[in-house]
Amino acid sequence: MPSSSLLCSHRILGQQLEKDLLAQGYSVLFVQTDVTKEQDIVSVMQKEGDHFGTIHILINNAGKFQHKSFMT
């Protein structure tokens, strides 16, 4: 299975997802991250490099989500 990193600002949710994926045999690393902070991004890149060696694909899907109806 491919290796992946989980970046999430919510520690408990990120750790639980990491645990669940590891139990399914995935190679995954959770890193609590606030993508609005440059130091967090630098830290993530270092941790991923140390853990996986090389980053082959990077997807930035960070954004603000509002829980409300689109019809209002």
N, C-alpha and C. Protein backbone atom coordinates (compact mmCIF):
# COMPACT_ATOMS: atom_id res chain seq x y z
N MET A 1 0.83 -1.19 0.00
CA MET A 1 0.00 0.00 0.00
C MET A 1 0.87 1.25 0.00
N PRO A 2 0.40 2.31 -0.63
CA PRO A 2 1.19 3.55 -0.65
C PRO A 2 1.24 4.19 0.73
N SER A 3 2.25 5.00 0.93
CA SER A 3 2.37 5.73 2.19
C SER A 3 1.75 7.11 2.02
N SER A 4 1.22 7.63 3.11
CA SER A 4 0.53 8.91 3.06
C SER A 4 0.74 9.68 4.35
N SER A 5 0.52 10.97 4.28
CA SER A 5 0.56 11.83 5.46
C SER A 5 -0.81 12.43 5.66
N LEU A 6 -1.18 12.59 6.91
CA LEU A 6 -2.43 13.27 7.27
C LEU A 6 -2.08 14.58 7.92
N LEU A 7 -2.57 15.66 7.39
CA LEU A 7 -2.36 16.97 7.99
C LEU A 7 -3.71 17.45 8.47
N CYS A 8 -3.78 17.80 9.72
CA CYS A 8 -5.06 18.19 10.30
C CYS A 8 -4.80 19.12 11.47
N SER A 9 -5.66 20.10 11.65
CA SER A 9 -5.49 21.00 12.79
C SER A 9 -6.12 20.42 14.05
N HIS A 10 -6.95 19.40 13.91
CA HIS A 10 -7.63 18.80 15.05
C HIS A 10 -6.88 17.54 15.48
N ARG A 11 -6.18 17.63 16.60
CA ARG A 11 -5.30 16.55 17.06
C ARG A 11 -6.03 15.23 17.26
N ILE A 12 -7.15 15.24 17.98
CA ILE A 12 -7.83 13.99 18.31
C ILE A 12 -8.36 13.29 17.06
N LEU A 13 -8.99 14.04 16.15
CA LEU A 13 -9.49 13.43 14.92
C LEU A 13 -8.35 12.89 14.06
N GLY A 14 -7.28 13.65 13.95
CA GLY A 14 -6.13 13.20 13.16
C GLY A 14 -5.49 11.95 13.72
N GLN A 15 -5.33 11.91 15.03
CA GLN A 15 -4.73 10.73 15.66
C GLN A 15 -5.62 9.49 15.50
N GLN A 16 -6.93 9.67 15.61
CA GLN A 16 -7.85 8.54 15.45
C GLN A 16 -7.83 8.01 14.02
N LEU A 17 -7.82 8.91 13.04
CA LEU A 17 -7.76 8.49 11.64
C LEU A 17 -6.45 7.77 11.36
N GLU A 18 -5.35 8.29 11.89
CA GLU A 18 -4.06 7.63 11.72
C GLU A 18 -4.10 6.21 12.29
N LYS A 19 -4.65 6.08 13.49
CA LYS A 19 -4.75 4.77 14.15
C LYS A 19 -5.59 3.81 13.31
N ASP A 20 -6.72 4.27 12.82
CA ASP A 20 -7.60 3.43 12.01
C ASP A 20 -6.91 2.98 10.72
N LEU A 21 -6.22 3.90 10.05
CA LEU A 21 -5.54 3.55 8.80
C LEU A 21 -4.36 2.62 9.03
N LEU A 22 -3.61 2.84 10.11
CA LEU A 22 -2.51 1.93 10.44
C LEU A 22 -3.04 0.52 10.69
N ALA A 23 -4.19 0.41 11.36
CA ALA A 23 -4.79 -0.90 11.65
C ALA A 23 -5.22 -1.61 10.37
N GLN A 24 -5.49 -0.83 9.32
CA GLN A 24 -5.88 -1.42 8.03
C GLN A 24 -4.66 -1.72 7.15
N GLY A 25 -3.46 -1.44 7.66
CA GLY A 25 -2.25 -1.77 6.93
C GLY A 25 -1.63 -0.64 6.12
N TYR A 26 -2.21 0.55 6.21
CA TYR A 26 -1.65 1.69 5.48
C TYR A 26 -0.42 2.23 6.20
N SER A 27 0.52 2.75 5.45
CA SER A 27 1.68 3.44 6.01
C SER A 27 1.32 4.93 6.02
N VAL A 28 1.07 5.47 7.20
CA VAL A 28 0.55 6.82 7.30
C VAL A 28 1.18 7.54 8.48
N LEU A 29 1.32 8.85 8.36
CA LEU A 29 1.88 9.69 9.41
C LEU A 29 0.93 10.86 9.63
N PHE A 30 0.46 11.04 10.87
CA PHE A 30 -0.36 12.20 11.21
C PHE A 30 0.53 13.31 11.75
N VAL A 31 0.33 14.52 11.26
CA VAL A 31 1.05 15.69 11.76
C VAL A 31 0.02 16.79 11.99
N GLN A 32 -0.15 17.21 13.24
CA GLN A 32 -1.06 18.30 13.54
C GLN A 32 -0.50 19.56 12.91
N THR A 33 -1.31 20.22 12.08
CA THR A 33 -0.80 21.31 11.27
C THR A 33 -1.81 22.45 11.14
N ASP A 34 -1.33 23.66 11.26
CA ASP A 34 -2.12 24.84 10.94
C ASP A 34 -1.47 25.45 9.70
N VAL A 35 -2.12 25.28 8.55
CA VAL A 35 -1.50 25.71 7.29
C VAL A 35 -1.39 27.22 7.15
N THR A 36 -1.93 27.98 8.12
CA THR A 36 -1.76 29.43 8.09
C THR A 36 -0.46 29.84 8.76
N LYS A 37 0.26 28.88 9.36
CA LYS A 37 1.51 29.17 10.05
C LYS A 37 2.69 28.58 9.28
N GLU A 38 3.57 29.45 8.83
CA GLU A 38 4.71 29.02 8.03
C GLU A 38 5.56 27.97 8.76
N GLN A 39 5.78 28.15 10.05
CA GLN A 39 6.61 27.20 10.80
C GLN A 39 5.99 25.80 10.82
N ASP A 40 4.66 25.71 10.88
CA ASP A 40 3.99 24.41 10.81
C ASP A 40 4.28 23.72 9.48
N ILE A 41 4.25 24.47 8.39
CA ILE A 41 4.51 23.90 7.07
C ILE A 41 5.95 23.42 6.98
N VAL A 42 6.89 24.22 7.46
CA VAL A 42 8.30 23.81 7.45
C VAL A 42 8.48 22.54 8.27
N SER A 43 7.84 22.47 9.42
CA SER A 43 7.93 21.30 10.29
C SER A 43 7.35 20.05 9.62
N VAL A 44 6.23 20.21 8.95
CA VAL A 44 5.60 19.08 8.24
C VAL A 44 6.54 18.53 7.17
N MET A 45 7.12 19.41 6.39
CA MET A 45 8.02 18.96 5.31
C MET A 45 9.21 18.19 5.89
N GLN A 46 9.74 18.65 7.00
CA GLN A 46 10.86 17.98 7.64
C GLN A 46 10.43 16.60 8.18
N LYS A 47 9.30 16.55 8.86
CA LYS A 47 8.81 15.28 9.42
C LYS A 47 8.50 14.27 8.33
N GLU A 48 7.87 14.73 7.25
CA GLU A 48 7.56 13.82 6.15
C GLU A 48 8.83 13.30 5.49
N GLY A 49 9.77 14.18 5.28
CA GLY A 49 11.04 13.75 4.69
C GLY A 49 11.76 12.74 5.56
N ASP A 50 11.76 12.97 6.86
CA ASP A 50 12.39 12.04 7.80
C ASP A 50 11.67 10.69 7.82
N HIS A 51 10.35 10.72 7.73
CA HIS A 51 9.55 9.50 7.86
C HIS A 51 9.48 8.70 6.56
N PHE A 52 9.23 9.38 5.43
CA PHE A 52 9.00 8.70 4.17
C PHE A 52 10.16 8.80 3.19
N GLY A 53 11.07 9.73 3.41
CA GLY A 53 12.19 9.89 2.50
C GLY A 53 11.94 10.95 1.44
N THR A 54 10.98 10.71 0.56
CA THR A 54 10.71 11.61 -0.56
C THR A 54 9.21 11.86 -0.67
N ILE A 55 8.84 13.08 -0.96
CA ILE A 55 7.45 13.40 -1.23
C ILE A 55 7.25 13.33 -2.74
N HIS A 56 6.38 12.43 -3.19
CA HIS A 56 6.13 12.25 -4.62
C HIS A 56 4.95 13.07 -5.12
N ILE A 57 3.94 13.21 -4.29
CA ILE A 57 2.74 13.97 -4.66
C ILE A 57 2.33 14.81 -3.45
N LEU A 58 1.99 16.05 -3.71
CA LEU A 58 1.53 16.95 -2.64
C LEU A 58 0.23 17.59 -3.10
N ILE A 59 -0.83 17.40 -2.31
CA ILE A 59 -2.13 17.99 -2.62
C ILE A 59 -2.49 18.95 -1.50
N ASN A 60 -2.71 20.20 -1.86
CA ASN A 60 -3.12 21.20 -0.89
C ASN A 60 -4.63 21.35 -1.00
N ASN A 61 -5.34 20.85 -0.01
CA ASN A 61 -6.80 20.92 -0.04
C ASN A 61 -7.30 21.62 1.22
N ALA A 62 -6.55 22.59 1.69
CA ALA A 62 -6.93 23.31 2.90
C ALA A 62 -7.89 24.44 2.54
N GLY A 63 -8.83 24.65 3.40
CA GLY A 63 -9.75 25.74 3.17
C GLY A 63 -10.73 25.88 4.31
N LYS A 64 -11.51 26.89 4.24
CA LYS A 64 -12.51 27.15 5.28
C LYS A 64 -13.83 26.55 4.83
N PHE A 65 -14.48 25.86 5.73
CA PHE A 65 -15.76 25.24 5.42
C PHE A 65 -16.80 25.76 6.40
N GLN A 66 -17.93 26.13 5.86
CA GLN A 66 -19.04 26.60 6.71
C GLN A 66 -20.17 25.59 6.63
N HIS A 67 -20.64 25.14 7.79
CA HIS A 67 -21.75 24.19 7.85
C HIS A 67 -23.06 24.97 7.79
N LYS A 68 -23.57 25.18 6.58
CA LYS A 68 -24.86 25.84 6.43
C LYS A 68 -25.44 25.46 5.07
N SER A 69 -26.70 25.66 4.94
CA SER A 69 -27.40 25.31 3.71
C SER A 69 -26.97 26.24 2.58
N PHE A 70 -26.84 25.67 1.39
CA PHE A 70 -26.54 26.47 0.21
C PHE A 70 -27.78 27.22 -0.27
N MET A 71 -28.92 26.84 0.25
CA MET A 71 -30.19 27.42 -0.21
C MET A 71 -30.60 28.68 0.57
N THR A 72 -29.80 29.11 1.56
CA THR A 72 -30.18 30.29 2.34
C THR A 72 -29.62 31.55 1.75
